[in-house]
Amino acid sequence: MQHNGVDLMGLDKEAQNELASLWNRGTEFLGSEVAILAGAMSWVSERHLVSAISNAGGFGVIACGAMDPALLEAEIIATQSMTTKPFGVNLITMHPQLNELIDVCLKLNVKHIVLAGGVPSGAAIKKIKDGGAQVVAFAPALVLAKRLIKMGVDALVIEGAEAGGHVGPVSLTVLAQEILPIIREVPVFVAGGLGRGDAILSYLEMGASGAQLGTVFAASVESQAHENFKKAFIRAAARDAVTTVQIDDSFPVIPVRALANQGTKNFMKHQAAMIQKYQNQELSKEEAQLDIEHFWAGALRRAVKDGDVENGSVMAGQSVGMVKEILPVKEIIHNLVKQAVDALVVRRQRIK
């Protein structure tokens, strides 16, 4: 027997109910069966993976990345043809066509828009809310969480440095202690390094409304990433997912966590080359900075689409060490729920 998307057969009923009440605020907000939000990963979070996650009871999120409005429109329509369940769209705040992308989401009745890659403007938040959708934003510090709530965001994601892709400097363990006991106005989702349901449970008990996971879904059956990319995840240990190093303070680089390979070394050389061009007055500082950032878009595509996992960027969180096999999304979500439920049962027995 299946309860909507998630197979709960054989799981302890009392513990199921306890888990449901712990993440009730998250499921109510997302409109999903479980409060597991998918991290938006460029080139990976597209129609197949997003619809599979939503159909399995989670909440899929399209990664708009560098898409233009027409491409995003086609992606949303295609996803809607593959699922009737809710899903969100992740937009990069620095995208030159952000307003048009928001218009596309609102026109197609997307109810959750995640704003990433910097602090969103008050105007963008207002535009989304006036259009009838909810805004989710990232808060890497308590002071920013409070500011975003004042600006009107409807939910927050606190993402630790353990996550894959672009990351902040603080671990989820610390962020959760700083933010969860204090922020009560909006649902808060935890992210970064999460690969098991019992770990998610511990954050729910601290006050989180749900969790965002990316790495475990990137290597799923439904993920359209190249087989080489998925196999690299299975081979990797947690310590292989490292953050990039910035070589010059005057050229700040947002650290990117990916599996160490030749591409990681190439990025160091690329930074040095662009800084040299700036010093030789061949490029303006802005042009050099942009070129450094653009390195990752191309490198990620090479790894995800072409399968070049040696020179491309294999972005992964430290939870990659827990990815042991390529499983269907439905099974991944079932396992996470089962681990949380089992942990509740064990605790009940321990307390008796």
Protein backbone atom coordinates (compact mmCIF):
# COMPACT_ATOMS: atom_id res chain seq x y z
CA MET A 1 0.00 0.00 0.00
CA GLN A 2 1.30 3.47 -0.82
CA HIS A 3 0.47 6.69 0.96
CA ASN A 4 0.52 9.06 -2.04
CA GLY A 5 4.16 9.09 -3.18
CA VAL A 6 6.00 7.61 -0.19
CA ASP A 7 5.77 3.91 0.61
CA LEU A 8 5.18 3.73 4.37
CA MET A 9 4.18 0.09 4.58
CA GLY A 10 5.66 -1.72 7.58
CA LEU A 11 6.81 1.48 9.30
CA ASP A 12 5.80 2.12 12.91
CA LYS A 13 2.53 4.11 12.91
CA GLU A 14 3.16 6.09 16.11
CA ALA A 15 6.63 7.14 14.95
CA GLN A 16 5.22 8.05 11.50
CA ASN A 17 2.70 10.36 13.17
CA GLU A 18 5.42 11.90 15.31
CA LEU A 19 7.58 12.60 12.25
CA ALA A 20 4.56 14.03 10.40
CA SER A 21 3.90 16.46 13.25
CA LEU A 22 7.59 17.44 13.52
CA TRP A 23 7.78 18.53 9.89
CA ASN A 24 4.15 19.55 9.55
CA ARG A 25 5.06 23.23 9.13
CA GLY A 26 7.37 22.31 6.26
CA THR A 27 4.89 20.03 4.47
CA GLU A 28 2.12 22.65 4.87
CA PHE A 29 4.38 25.31 3.38
CA LEU A 30 5.60 23.21 0.46
CA GLY A 31 2.35 21.33 -0.15
CA SER A 32 4.34 18.08 -0.29
CA GLU A 33 3.97 14.82 1.59
CA VAL A 34 7.40 14.99 3.23
CA ALA A 35 9.35 18.16 4.04
CA ILE A 36 12.30 17.18 1.88
CA LEU A 37 13.17 19.99 -0.49
CA ALA A 38 15.54 19.29 -3.37
CA GLY A 39 18.60 21.48 -3.70
CA ALA A 40 18.68 23.20 -7.10
CA MET A 41 21.74 22.00 -9.02
CA SER A 42 22.59 23.59 -12.37
CA TRP A 43 22.36 21.13 -15.30
CA VAL A 44 21.05 18.44 -12.89
CA SER A 45 17.77 19.80 -11.48
CA GLU A 46 15.69 19.65 -14.66
CA ARG A 47 12.26 18.22 -15.58
CA HIS A 48 13.09 14.51 -15.08
CA LEU A 49 14.64 14.78 -11.64
CA VAL A 50 12.31 17.54 -10.39
CA SER A 51 9.13 15.68 -11.38
CA ALA A 52 10.48 12.40 -9.94
CA ILE A 53 11.15 14.06 -6.56
CA SER A 54 7.71 15.70 -6.44
CA ASN A 55 5.97 12.49 -7.58
CA ALA A 56 7.79 10.57 -4.82
CA GLY A 57 6.34 12.88 -2.14
CA GLY A 58 9.23 15.37 -1.87
CA PHE A 59 9.48 18.88 -3.33
CA GLY A 60 11.47 19.21 -6.56
CA VAL A 61 13.10 22.51 -7.55
CA ILE A 62 14.14 23.51 -11.09
CA ALA A 63 17.59 25.15 -11.26
CA CYS A 64 17.14 28.07 -13.65
CA GLY A 65 20.86 28.93 -13.53
CA ALA A 66 21.76 30.84 -16.67
CA MET A 67 18.56 29.92 -18.61
CA ASP A 68 16.82 32.74 -20.46
CA PRO A 69 13.06 33.28 -19.94
CA ALA A 70 12.05 31.18 -22.99
CA LEU A 71 14.14 28.20 -21.85
CA LEU A 72 12.78 28.44 -18.31
CA GLU A 73 9.22 28.59 -19.64
CA ALA A 74 9.77 25.42 -21.67
CA GLU A 75 11.32 23.65 -18.65
CA ILE A 76 8.42 24.56 -16.32
CA ILE A 77 5.80 23.47 -18.87
CA ALA A 78 7.64 20.18 -19.44
CA THR A 79 7.85 19.55 -15.68
CA GLN A 80 4.14 20.32 -15.27
CA SER A 81 3.41 17.70 -17.92
CA MET A 82 5.30 15.11 -15.82
CA THR A 83 3.85 15.87 -12.38
CA THR A 84 0.68 17.36 -10.91
CA LYS A 85 2.44 17.80 -7.54
CA PRO A 86 3.92 21.13 -6.44
CA PHE A 87 7.51 22.06 -7.31
CA GLY A 88 9.56 25.24 -7.12
CA VAL A 89 11.97 27.23 -9.28
CA ASN A 90 15.36 28.49 -8.13
CA LEU A 91 16.41 31.85 -9.63
CA ILE A 92 19.84 33.48 -9.31
CA THR A 93 19.46 37.02 -7.94
CA MET A 94 22.29 38.32 -10.17
CA HIS A 95 20.62 37.09 -13.40
CA PRO A 96 20.33 40.08 -15.77
CA GLN A 97 16.77 39.04 -16.68
CA LEU A 98 15.56 38.28 -13.15
CA ASN A 99 12.33 40.28 -13.55
CA GLU A 100 11.38 38.46 -16.75
CA LEU A 101 12.16 35.08 -15.13
CA ILE A 102 9.88 35.96 -12.20
CA ASP A 103 7.16 36.89 -14.72
CA VAL A 104 7.51 33.46 -16.38
CA CYS A 105 7.13 31.68 -13.01
CA LEU A 106 4.08 33.72 -12.04
CA LYS A 107 2.44 33.30 -15.45
CA LEU A 108 2.82 29.51 -15.19
CA ASN A 109 1.46 29.45 -11.63
CA VAL A 110 4.68 28.38 -9.88
CA LYS A 111 3.88 28.92 -6.19
CA HIS A 112 7.40 28.76 -4.68
CA ILE A 113 10.35 30.78 -5.98
CA VAL A 114 13.76 30.24 -4.38
CA LEU A 115 16.10 33.23 -4.68
CA ALA A 116 19.77 32.22 -4.50
CA GLY A 117 23.25 33.56 -5.19
CA GLY A 118 23.14 36.70 -3.06
CA VAL A 119 20.76 38.77 -0.97
CA PRO A 120 17.56 39.35 -2.98
CA SER A 121 16.30 42.88 -3.51
CA GLY A 122 13.17 44.12 -1.76
CA ALA A 123 11.71 44.77 -5.22
CA ALA A 124 12.16 41.13 -6.34
CA ILE A 125 10.58 39.83 -3.12
CA LYS A 126 7.63 42.22 -3.49
CA LYS A 127 7.13 41.32 -7.15
CA ILE A 128 6.95 37.59 -6.33
CA LYS A 129 4.60 38.06 -3.36
CA ASP A 130 2.35 40.50 -5.25
CA GLY A 131 2.14 37.84 -7.98
CA GLY A 132 0.78 35.31 -5.48
CA ALA A 133 3.87 33.13 -4.98
CA GLN A 134 5.99 32.43 -1.90
CA VAL A 135 9.64 33.46 -1.58
CA VAL A 136 12.35 31.19 -0.17
CA ALA A 137 15.81 32.69 0.48
CA PHE A 138 19.16 31.57 1.90
CA ALA A 139 20.42 32.85 5.26
CA PRO A 140 24.07 32.02 6.04
CA ALA A 141 23.93 34.02 9.31
CA LEU A 142 21.38 35.01 11.98
CA VAL A 143 21.63 38.74 11.21
CA LEU A 144 20.78 38.05 7.56
CA ALA A 145 17.91 35.72 8.53
CA LYS A 146 16.32 38.54 10.55
CA ARG A 147 16.85 41.02 7.70
CA LEU A 148 15.28 38.68 5.11
CA ILE A 149 12.22 38.13 7.33
CA LYS A 150 11.81 41.93 7.63
CA MET A 151 12.04 42.10 3.82
CA GLY A 152 9.11 39.68 3.59
CA VAL A 153 10.53 36.27 2.66
CA ASP A 154 8.17 33.37 3.46
CA ALA A 155 10.78 30.72 4.34
CA LEU A 156 14.53 30.37 4.83
CA VAL A 157 17.14 27.77 3.96
CA ILE A 158 20.19 27.70 6.23
CA GLU A 159 22.94 25.95 4.29
CA GLY A 160 26.15 24.79 5.92
CA ALA A 161 29.59 24.74 4.33
CA GLU A 162 29.29 20.93 3.98
CA ALA A 163 26.99 21.47 0.95
CA GLY A 164 28.05 21.07 -2.67
CA GLY A 165 28.44 23.93 -5.14
CA HIS A 166 28.76 27.53 -3.92
CA VAL A 167 29.00 27.55 -0.14
CA GLY A 168 29.41 29.87 2.82
CA PRO A 169 32.05 29.47 5.55
CA VAL A 170 30.01 28.08 8.49
CA SER A 171 28.97 24.47 9.12
CA LEU A 172 25.31 23.49 9.46
CA THR A 173 25.97 22.26 13.02
CA VAL A 174 26.84 25.83 14.05
CA LEU A 175 24.25 27.63 11.87
CA ALA A 176 21.47 25.44 13.28
CA GLN A 177 22.46 26.32 16.87
CA GLU A 178 22.64 30.04 16.03
CA ILE A 179 19.43 30.29 14.02
CA LEU A 180 16.89 27.54 14.84
CA PRO A 181 16.23 28.46 18.50
CA ILE A 182 15.65 32.10 17.55
CA ILE A 183 13.88 32.24 14.18
CA ARG A 184 10.25 31.23 14.61
CA GLU A 185 8.43 33.62 12.26
CA VAL A 186 8.91 31.54 9.10
CA PRO A 187 9.70 27.88 8.29
CA VAL A 188 13.45 27.19 8.26
CA PHE A 189 14.89 24.36 6.15
CA VAL A 190 18.35 22.96 6.96
CA ALA A 191 20.86 22.06 4.23
CA GLY A 192 24.45 20.93 3.81
CA GLY A 193 25.94 17.49 4.32
CA LEU A 194 22.62 15.74 4.93
CA GLY A 195 22.42 12.14 3.75
CA ARG A 196 20.36 10.31 6.39
CA GLY A 197 16.87 10.60 7.85
CA ASP A 198 17.99 10.35 11.47
CA ALA A 199 20.22 13.42 10.97
CA ILE A 200 17.26 15.31 9.46
CA LEU A 201 15.20 14.26 12.51
CA SER A 202 17.74 15.81 14.91
CA TYR A 203 17.37 19.20 13.18
CA LEU A 204 13.55 18.94 13.14
CA GLU A 205 13.72 18.50 16.91
CA MET A 206 15.81 21.68 17.14
CA GLY A 207 13.04 23.57 15.35
CA ALA A 208 13.71 23.09 11.63
CA SER A 209 10.63 22.66 9.43
CA GLY A 210 12.33 20.36 6.92
CA ALA A 211 15.56 19.70 5.06
CA GLN A 212 17.08 20.46 1.66
CA LEU A 213 19.19 17.73 0.04
CA GLY A 214 21.06 17.84 -3.25
CA THR A 215 23.97 15.41 -3.45
CA VAL A 216 21.90 12.25 -2.75
CA PHE A 217 19.54 13.15 -5.63
CA ALA A 218 22.28 14.09 -8.13
CA ALA A 219 23.34 10.43 -8.28
CA SER A 220 19.79 8.99 -8.52
CA VAL A 221 18.43 6.85 -11.38
CA GLU A 222 16.25 9.74 -12.63
CA SER A 223 19.10 12.26 -12.58
CA GLN A 224 20.07 13.04 -16.19
CA ALA A 225 23.71 13.57 -15.18
CA HIS A 226 26.28 11.55 -17.13
CA GLU A 227 27.00 8.03 -15.80
CA ASN A 228 30.64 9.08 -15.19
CA PHE A 229 29.37 11.88 -12.94
CA LYS A 230 27.23 9.48 -10.88
CA LYS A 231 30.02 6.89 -10.65
CA ALA A 232 32.39 9.58 -9.35
CA PHE A 233 29.91 10.15 -6.49
CA ILE A 234 29.86 6.45 -5.62
CA ARG A 235 33.68 6.23 -5.57
CA ALA A 236 34.14 9.38 -3.48
CA ALA A 237 34.69 9.69 0.26
CA ALA A 238 33.46 12.70 2.27
CA ARG A 239 36.99 14.19 2.37
CA ASP A 240 37.19 14.22 -1.46
CA ALA A 241 34.56 16.99 -1.64
CA VAL A 242 36.74 20.05 -1.07
CA THR A 243 36.24 23.80 -1.44
CA THR A 244 38.19 25.85 -3.94
CA VAL A 245 40.87 28.24 -2.72
CA GLN A 246 40.96 31.96 -3.44
CA ILE A 247 44.47 33.07 -4.40
CA ASP A 248 44.15 36.86 -4.15
CA ASP A 249 42.14 38.80 -1.54
CA SER A 250 41.42 41.58 -4.02
CA PHE A 251 39.63 38.99 -6.23
CA PRO A 252 37.15 37.42 -3.82
CA VAL A 253 35.85 34.05 -4.98
CA ILE A 254 32.74 32.39 -3.54
CA PRO A 255 34.10 28.98 -2.53
CA VAL A 256 32.78 26.04 -4.56
CA ARG A 257 32.71 22.53 -3.07
CA ALA A 258 33.45 19.79 -5.61
CA LEU A 259 35.38 16.53 -5.85
CA ALA A 260 39.13 17.21 -6.05
CA ASN A 261 40.40 16.61 -9.60
CA GLN A 262 42.37 18.24 -12.41
CA GLY A 263 39.53 20.79 -12.81
CA THR A 264 40.14 22.03 -9.26
CA LYS A 265 43.80 22.63 -10.16
CA ASN A 266 42.80 24.27 -13.45
CA PHE A 267 40.64 26.76 -11.52
CA MET A 268 43.68 27.90 -9.54
CA LYS A 269 45.58 28.43 -12.81
CA HIS A 270 42.56 30.24 -14.32
CA GLN A 271 42.39 32.66 -11.37
CA ALA A 272 46.11 33.38 -11.68
CA ALA A 273 45.81 33.96 -15.45
CA MET A 274 42.87 36.39 -15.09
CA ILE A 275 44.58 38.33 -12.28
CA GLN A 276 47.70 38.59 -14.49
CA LYS A 277 45.55 39.95 -17.36
CA TYR A 278 44.09 42.55 -15.01
CA GLN A 279 47.56 43.54 -13.81
CA ASN A 280 48.69 43.83 -17.47
CA GLN A 281 45.62 46.06 -18.03
CA GLU A 282 44.22 43.63 -20.61
CA LEU A 283 40.99 43.27 -18.59
CA SER A 284 39.10 45.49 -16.16
CA LYS A 285 38.75 44.19 -12.60
CA GLU A 286 35.04 43.45 -13.24
CA GLU A 287 35.82 41.52 -16.44
CA ALA A 288 38.50 39.46 -14.68
CA GLN A 289 36.16 38.72 -11.76
CA LEU A 290 33.32 37.68 -14.09
CA ASP A 291 35.64 35.44 -16.08
CA ILE A 292 36.75 33.70 -12.86
CA GLU A 293 33.11 33.07 -11.88
CA HIS A 294 32.19 31.89 -15.40
CA PHE A 295 34.82 29.16 -15.19
CA TRP A 296 32.44 27.11 -13.02
CA ALA A 297 29.43 27.25 -15.32
CA GLY A 298 31.43 25.74 -18.17
CA ALA A 299 33.29 23.28 -15.94
CA LEU A 300 30.08 22.01 -14.34
CA ARG A 301 28.47 21.44 -17.73
CA ARG A 302 31.52 19.46 -18.89
CA ALA A 303 31.21 17.12 -15.90
CA VAL A 304 27.39 16.74 -15.78
CA LYS A 305 26.61 16.62 -19.49
CA ASP A 306 29.80 15.41 -21.19
CA GLY A 307 31.00 13.14 -18.38
CA ASP A 308 34.44 14.76 -18.18
CA VAL A 309 34.88 14.18 -14.45
CA GLU A 310 38.62 14.82 -14.55
CA ASN A 311 38.66 18.34 -16.02
CA GLY A 312 35.07 19.33 -15.28
CA SER A 313 33.60 20.41 -11.96
CA VAL A 314 32.03 17.50 -10.06
CA MET A 315 30.12 19.61 -7.53
CA ALA A 316 29.17 17.52 -4.50
CA GLY A 317 28.52 17.99 -0.80
CA GLN A 318 30.44 16.10 1.89
CA SER A 319 27.47 13.71 2.17
CA VAL A 320 28.81 12.23 -1.11
CA GLY A 321 30.62 9.66 1.07
CA MET A 322 27.18 8.23 1.97
CA VAL A 323 26.18 7.72 -1.68
CA LYS A 324 26.92 4.02 -2.21
CA GLU A 325 24.66 3.12 -5.15
CA ILE A 326 22.51 4.71 -7.85
CA LEU A 327 18.95 4.40 -6.52
CA PRO A 328 15.55 5.58 -7.79
CA VAL A 329 14.36 8.84 -6.18
CA LYS A 330 11.39 7.03 -4.63
CA GLU A 331 13.72 4.64 -2.81
CA ILE A 332 15.98 7.48 -1.62
CA ILE A 333 13.01 9.31 -0.06
CA HIS A 334 11.63 6.09 1.42
CA ASN A 335 15.03 5.34 3.01
CA LEU A 336 15.25 8.84 4.51
CA VAL A 337 11.76 8.55 6.01
CA LYS A 338 12.46 5.02 7.29
CA GLN A 339 15.70 6.14 8.98
CA ALA A 340 13.87 8.98 10.76
CA VAL A 341 10.98 6.72 11.82
CA ASP A 342 13.34 3.96 13.00
CA ALA A 343 15.31 6.50 15.08
CA LEU A 344 12.09 7.60 16.80
CA VAL A 345 11.21 3.95 17.56
CA VAL A 346 14.68 3.26 19.03
CA ARG A 347 14.42 6.33 21.24
CA ARG A 348 10.98 5.34 22.47
CA GLN A 349 12.38 1.92 23.46
CA ARG A 350 15.39 3.52 25.16
CA ILE A 351 13.20 5.83 27.27
CA LYS A 352 10.87 3.01 28.46
